[in-house]
C-alpha atoms as a PDB file:
ATOM      1  CA  MET A   1      -0.059  -0.100   0.131  1.00  0.00           C
ATOM      2  CA  ILE A   2       1.558   3.552  -0.908  1.00  0.00           C
ATOM      3  CA  HIS A   3       1.000   6.204   1.347  1.00  0.00           C
ATOM      4  CA  ARG A   4       0.641   9.745   0.156  1.00  0.00           C
ATOM      5  CA  ALA A   5       1.922  13.004   1.882  1.00  0.00           C
ATOM      6  CA  VAL A   6      -1.247  13.733   3.377  1.00  0.00           C
ATOM      7  CA  ASP A   7      -1.247  10.465   5.228  1.00  0.00           C
ATOM      8  CA  ASP A   8       1.865  11.764   7.126  1.00  0.00           C
ATOM      9  CA  GLU A   9       0.383  15.143   7.419  1.00  0.00           C
ATOM     10  CA  ASP A  10       0.109  16.253  11.139  1.00  0.00           C
ATOM     11  CA  PRO A  11      -3.968  16.698  11.816  1.00  0.00           C
ATOM     12  CA  ASP A  12      -3.327  19.384  14.370  1.00  0.00           C
ATOM     13  CA  ARG A  13      -1.418  21.521  11.455  1.00  0.00           C
ATOM     14  CA  LEU A  14      -4.390  20.983   9.148  1.00  0.00           C
ATOM     15  CA  TYR A  15      -7.123  22.096  12.042  1.00  0.00           C
ATOM     16  CA  THR A  16      -4.926  25.050  12.716  1.00  0.00           C
ATOM     17  CA  VAL A  17      -4.669  25.933   8.861  1.00  0.00           C
ATOM     18  CA  THR A  18      -8.114  25.911   8.535  1.00  0.00           C
ATOM     19  CA  GLY A  19      -9.295  27.302  11.974  1.00  0.00           C
ATOM     20  CA  GLY A  20     -10.880  24.326  12.809  1.00  0.00           C
ATOM     21  CA  ARG A  21     -13.416  24.517  10.023  1.00  0.00           C
ATOM     22  CA  SER A  22     -14.095  21.038   8.050  1.00  0.00           C
ATOM     23  CA  ARG A  23     -15.538  23.054   4.918  1.00  0.00           C
ATOM     24  CA  ALA A  24     -15.893  26.215   2.987  1.00  0.00           C
ATOM     25  CA  ALA A  25     -18.767  28.234   3.792  1.00  0.00           C
ATOM     26  CA  ASP A  26     -21.211  28.399   0.940  1.00  0.00           C
ATOM     27  CA  VAL A  27     -18.668  28.482  -1.929  1.00  0.00           C
ATOM     28  CA  ASP A  28     -19.016  26.251  -5.011  1.00  0.00           C
ATOM     29  CA  LEU A  29     -15.518  25.244  -5.777  1.00  0.00           C
ATOM     30  CA  ASP A  30     -14.855  22.189  -7.792  1.00  0.00           C
ATOM     31  CA  LEU A  31     -11.367  20.447  -8.927  1.00  0.00           C
ATOM     32  CA  VAL A  32     -11.022  22.785 -12.393  1.00  0.00           C
ATOM     33  CA  THR A  33     -12.333  25.948 -10.920  1.00  0.00           C
ATOM     34  CA  LEU A  34      -9.863  28.517 -11.973  1.00  0.00           C
ATOM     35  CA  ILE A  35      -8.390  30.909  -9.415  1.00  0.00           C
ATOM     36  CA  VAL A  36      -6.875  34.004  -9.906  1.00  0.00           C
ATOM     37  CA  SER A  37      -5.032  36.306  -7.667  1.00  0.00           C
ATOM     38  CA  GLU A  38      -6.697  40.140  -7.218  1.00  0.00           C
ATOM     39  CA  ALA A  39      -4.348  41.149  -4.587  1.00  0.00           C
ATOM     40  CA  ASP A  40      -0.841  40.890  -3.377  1.00  0.00           C
ATOM     41  CA  PRO A  41       0.051  39.078   0.226  1.00  0.00           C
ATOM     42  CA  VAL A  42       0.468  41.358   2.971  1.00  0.00           C
ATOM     43  CA  PRO A  43       2.663  41.507   6.082  1.00  0.00           C
ATOM     44  CA  GLY A  44       1.369  39.099   8.754  1.00  0.00           C
ATOM     45  CA  MET A  45      -0.904  37.087   6.346  1.00  0.00           C
ATOM     46  CA  GLN A  46      -0.887  33.487   7.267  1.00  0.00           C
ATOM     47  CA  SER A  47       1.891  31.673   4.921  1.00  0.00           C
ATOM     48  CA  GLU A  48      -0.686  29.473   3.186  1.00  0.00           C
ATOM     49  CA  TYR A  49      -2.466  32.332   1.689  1.00  0.00           C
ATOM     50  CA  VAL A  50       0.337  34.201   0.711  1.00  0.00           C
ATOM     51  CA  LYS A  51       1.255  30.788  -1.086  1.00  0.00           C
ATOM     52  CA  VAL A  52      -2.070  30.705  -2.378  1.00  0.00           C
ATOM     53  CA  LEU A  53      -1.497  34.276  -3.780  1.00  0.00           C
ATOM     54  CA  ARG A  54       1.833  33.864  -5.491  1.00  0.00           C
ATOM     55  CA  THR A  55       1.011  30.740  -7.175  1.00  0.00           C
ATOM     56  CA  CYS A  56      -2.005  32.052  -8.547  1.00  0.00           C
ATOM     57  CA  ARG A  57      -0.932  35.244 -10.346  1.00  0.00           C
ATOM     58  CA  PHE A  58      -2.121  33.433 -13.445  1.00  0.00           C
ATOM     59  CA  PRO A  59      -5.498  31.284 -13.888  1.00  0.00           C
ATOM     60  CA  THR A  60      -4.860  28.064 -11.866  1.00  0.00           C
ATOM     61  CA  ALA A  61      -6.869  25.386 -11.174  1.00  0.00           C
ATOM     62  CA  VAL A  62      -8.207  24.383  -7.797  1.00  0.00           C
ATOM     63  CA  VAL A  63      -6.318  20.962  -7.912  1.00  0.00           C
ATOM     64  CA  GLU A  64      -3.068  22.514  -8.718  1.00  0.00           C
ATOM     65  CA  VAL A  65      -3.365  24.948  -5.873  1.00  0.00           C
ATOM     66  CA  ALA A  66      -3.729  21.920  -3.685  1.00  0.00           C
ATOM     67  CA  SER A  67      -0.750  20.123  -5.449  1.00  0.00           C
ATOM     68  CA  GLU A  68       1.594  23.483  -5.033  1.00  0.00           C
ATOM     69  CA  LEU A  69       0.433  23.681  -1.220  1.00  0.00           C
ATOM     70  CA  GLY A  70       0.877  19.982  -0.541  1.00  0.00           C
ATOM     71  CA  LEU A  71      -2.737  20.202   1.535  1.00  0.00           C
ATOM     72  CA  PRO A  72      -5.513  18.098   0.901  1.00  0.00           C
ATOM     73  CA  VAL A  73      -8.336  19.869  -1.780  1.00  0.00           C
ATOM     74  CA  SER A  74     -10.680  20.032   1.116  1.00  0.00           C
ATOM     75  CA  VAL A  75      -8.292  22.226   3.185  1.00  0.00           C
ATOM     76  CA  VAL A  76      -7.444  24.485   0.021  1.00  0.00           C
ATOM     77  CA  LYS A  77     -10.925  25.044  -0.497  1.00  0.00           C
ATOM     78  CA  ILE A  78     -11.373  26.433   2.843  1.00  0.00           C
ATOM     79  CA  LEU A  79      -8.504  28.520   2.523  1.00  0.00           C
ATOM     80  CA  LEU A  80      -9.646  30.046  -1.088  1.00  0.00           C
ATOM     81  CA  ALA A  81     -13.038  30.527   0.572  1.00  0.00           C
ATOM     82  CA  ASP A  82     -11.531  32.882   2.916  1.00  0.00           C
ATOM     83  CA  LEU A  83      -9.611  34.648   0.182  1.00  0.00           C
ATOM     84  CA  LEU A  84     -12.505  34.741  -2.000  1.00  0.00           C
ATOM     85  CA  ALA A  85     -14.643  36.598   0.653  1.00  0.00           C
ATOM     86  CA  ASP A  86     -11.942  39.141   1.509  1.00  0.00           C
ATOM     87  CA  GLY A  87     -11.754  39.828  -2.348  1.00  0.00           C
ATOM     88  CA  ARG A  88      -8.174  38.714  -2.618  1.00  0.00           C
ATOM     89  CA  ILE A  89      -9.056  36.205  -5.497  1.00  0.00           C
ATOM     90  CA  SER A  90     -11.531  35.555  -8.097  1.00  0.00           C
ATOM     91  CA  ALA A  91     -12.801  32.135  -9.257  1.00  0.00           C
ATOM     92  CA  ARG A  92     -14.550  30.979 -12.074  1.00  0.00           C
ATOM     93  CA  HIS A  93     -15.328  27.923 -13.617  1.00  0.00           C
ATOM     94  CA  PRO A  94     -13.781  26.937 -17.059  1.00  0.00           C
ATOM     95  CA  SER A  95     -17.143  26.471 -18.614  1.00  0.00           C
ATOM     96  CA  THR A  96     -18.411  29.848 -18.248  1.00  0.00           C
ATOM     97  CA  VAL A  97     -16.260  30.743 -21.317  1.00  0.00           C
ATOM     98  CA  PHE A  98     -18.931  28.996 -23.451  1.00  0.00           C
ATOM     99  CA  ARG A  99     -22.031  30.711 -24.508  1.00  0.00           C
ATOM    100  CA  HIS A 100     -25.351  29.894 -22.657  1.00  0.00           C
ATOM    101  CA  GLY A 101     -27.125  27.601 -24.904  1.00  0.00           C
ATOM    102  CA  SER A 102     -25.108  27.488 -27.753  1.00  0.00           C
ATOM    103  CA  GLY A 103     -22.424  24.743 -26.295  1.00  0.00           C
ATOM    104  CA  LEU A 104     -19.880  26.221 -28.297  1.00  0.00           C
ATOM    105  CA  PRO A 105     -16.809  28.238 -27.268  1.00  0.00           C
ATOM    106  CA  ASP A 106     -16.876  31.885 -27.606  1.00  0.00           C
ATOM    107  CA  SER A 107     -14.854  33.506 -30.163  1.00  0.00           C
ATOM    108  CA  GLU A 108     -12.733  35.613 -27.753  1.00  0.00           C
ATOM    109  CA  PHE A 109     -12.039  32.681 -25.888  1.00  0.00           C
ATOM    110  CA  LEU A 110     -10.867  30.711 -29.195  1.00  0.00           C
ATOM    111  CA  LYS A 111      -8.563  33.692 -30.082  1.00  0.00           C
ATOM    112  CA  LYS A 112      -7.041  33.952 -26.570  1.00  0.00           C
ATOM    113  CA  VAL A 113      -6.290  29.729 -26.838  1.00  0.00           C
ATOM    114  CA  LEU A 114      -4.793  30.502 -30.195  1.00  0.00           C
ATOM    115  CA  VAL A 115      -2.197  33.040 -28.845  1.00  0.00           C
ATOM    116  CA  GLY A 116      -1.808  30.650 -25.910  1.00  0.00           C
ATOM    117  CA  LEU A 117      -0.481  27.990 -28.282  1.00  0.00           C
ATOM    118  CA  LYS A 118       1.552  30.060 -30.411  1.00  0.00           C
ATOM    119  CA  ASN A 119       3.279  31.192 -27.260  1.00  0.00           C
ATOM    120  CA  ILE A 120       4.235  27.379 -26.644  1.00  0.00           C
END
């Protein structure tokens, strides 16, 4: 049996990081929700918040943020909900780039994809 890093994580640390909470309050974030920093870290900010803000300078999926922080997704969702409530990040699901009802991508979105592919 392979043990992941989370198995070795100190439960007291996770409790402290989330302030004892086990769920994000009224925020619907899934694994592919894109997170973007809207503010810079401030002195005295919890280190996990600082890491999130630095990691999300460009759109980053929730699952990638969790990987970068080395924390369970459930813990990261709580941290993201806090930052979202403070206006320090924005979140959007990738499906919002599609036109309502058509099921086809918006032309502006496709242009951005083309530019991104050319930059690779």
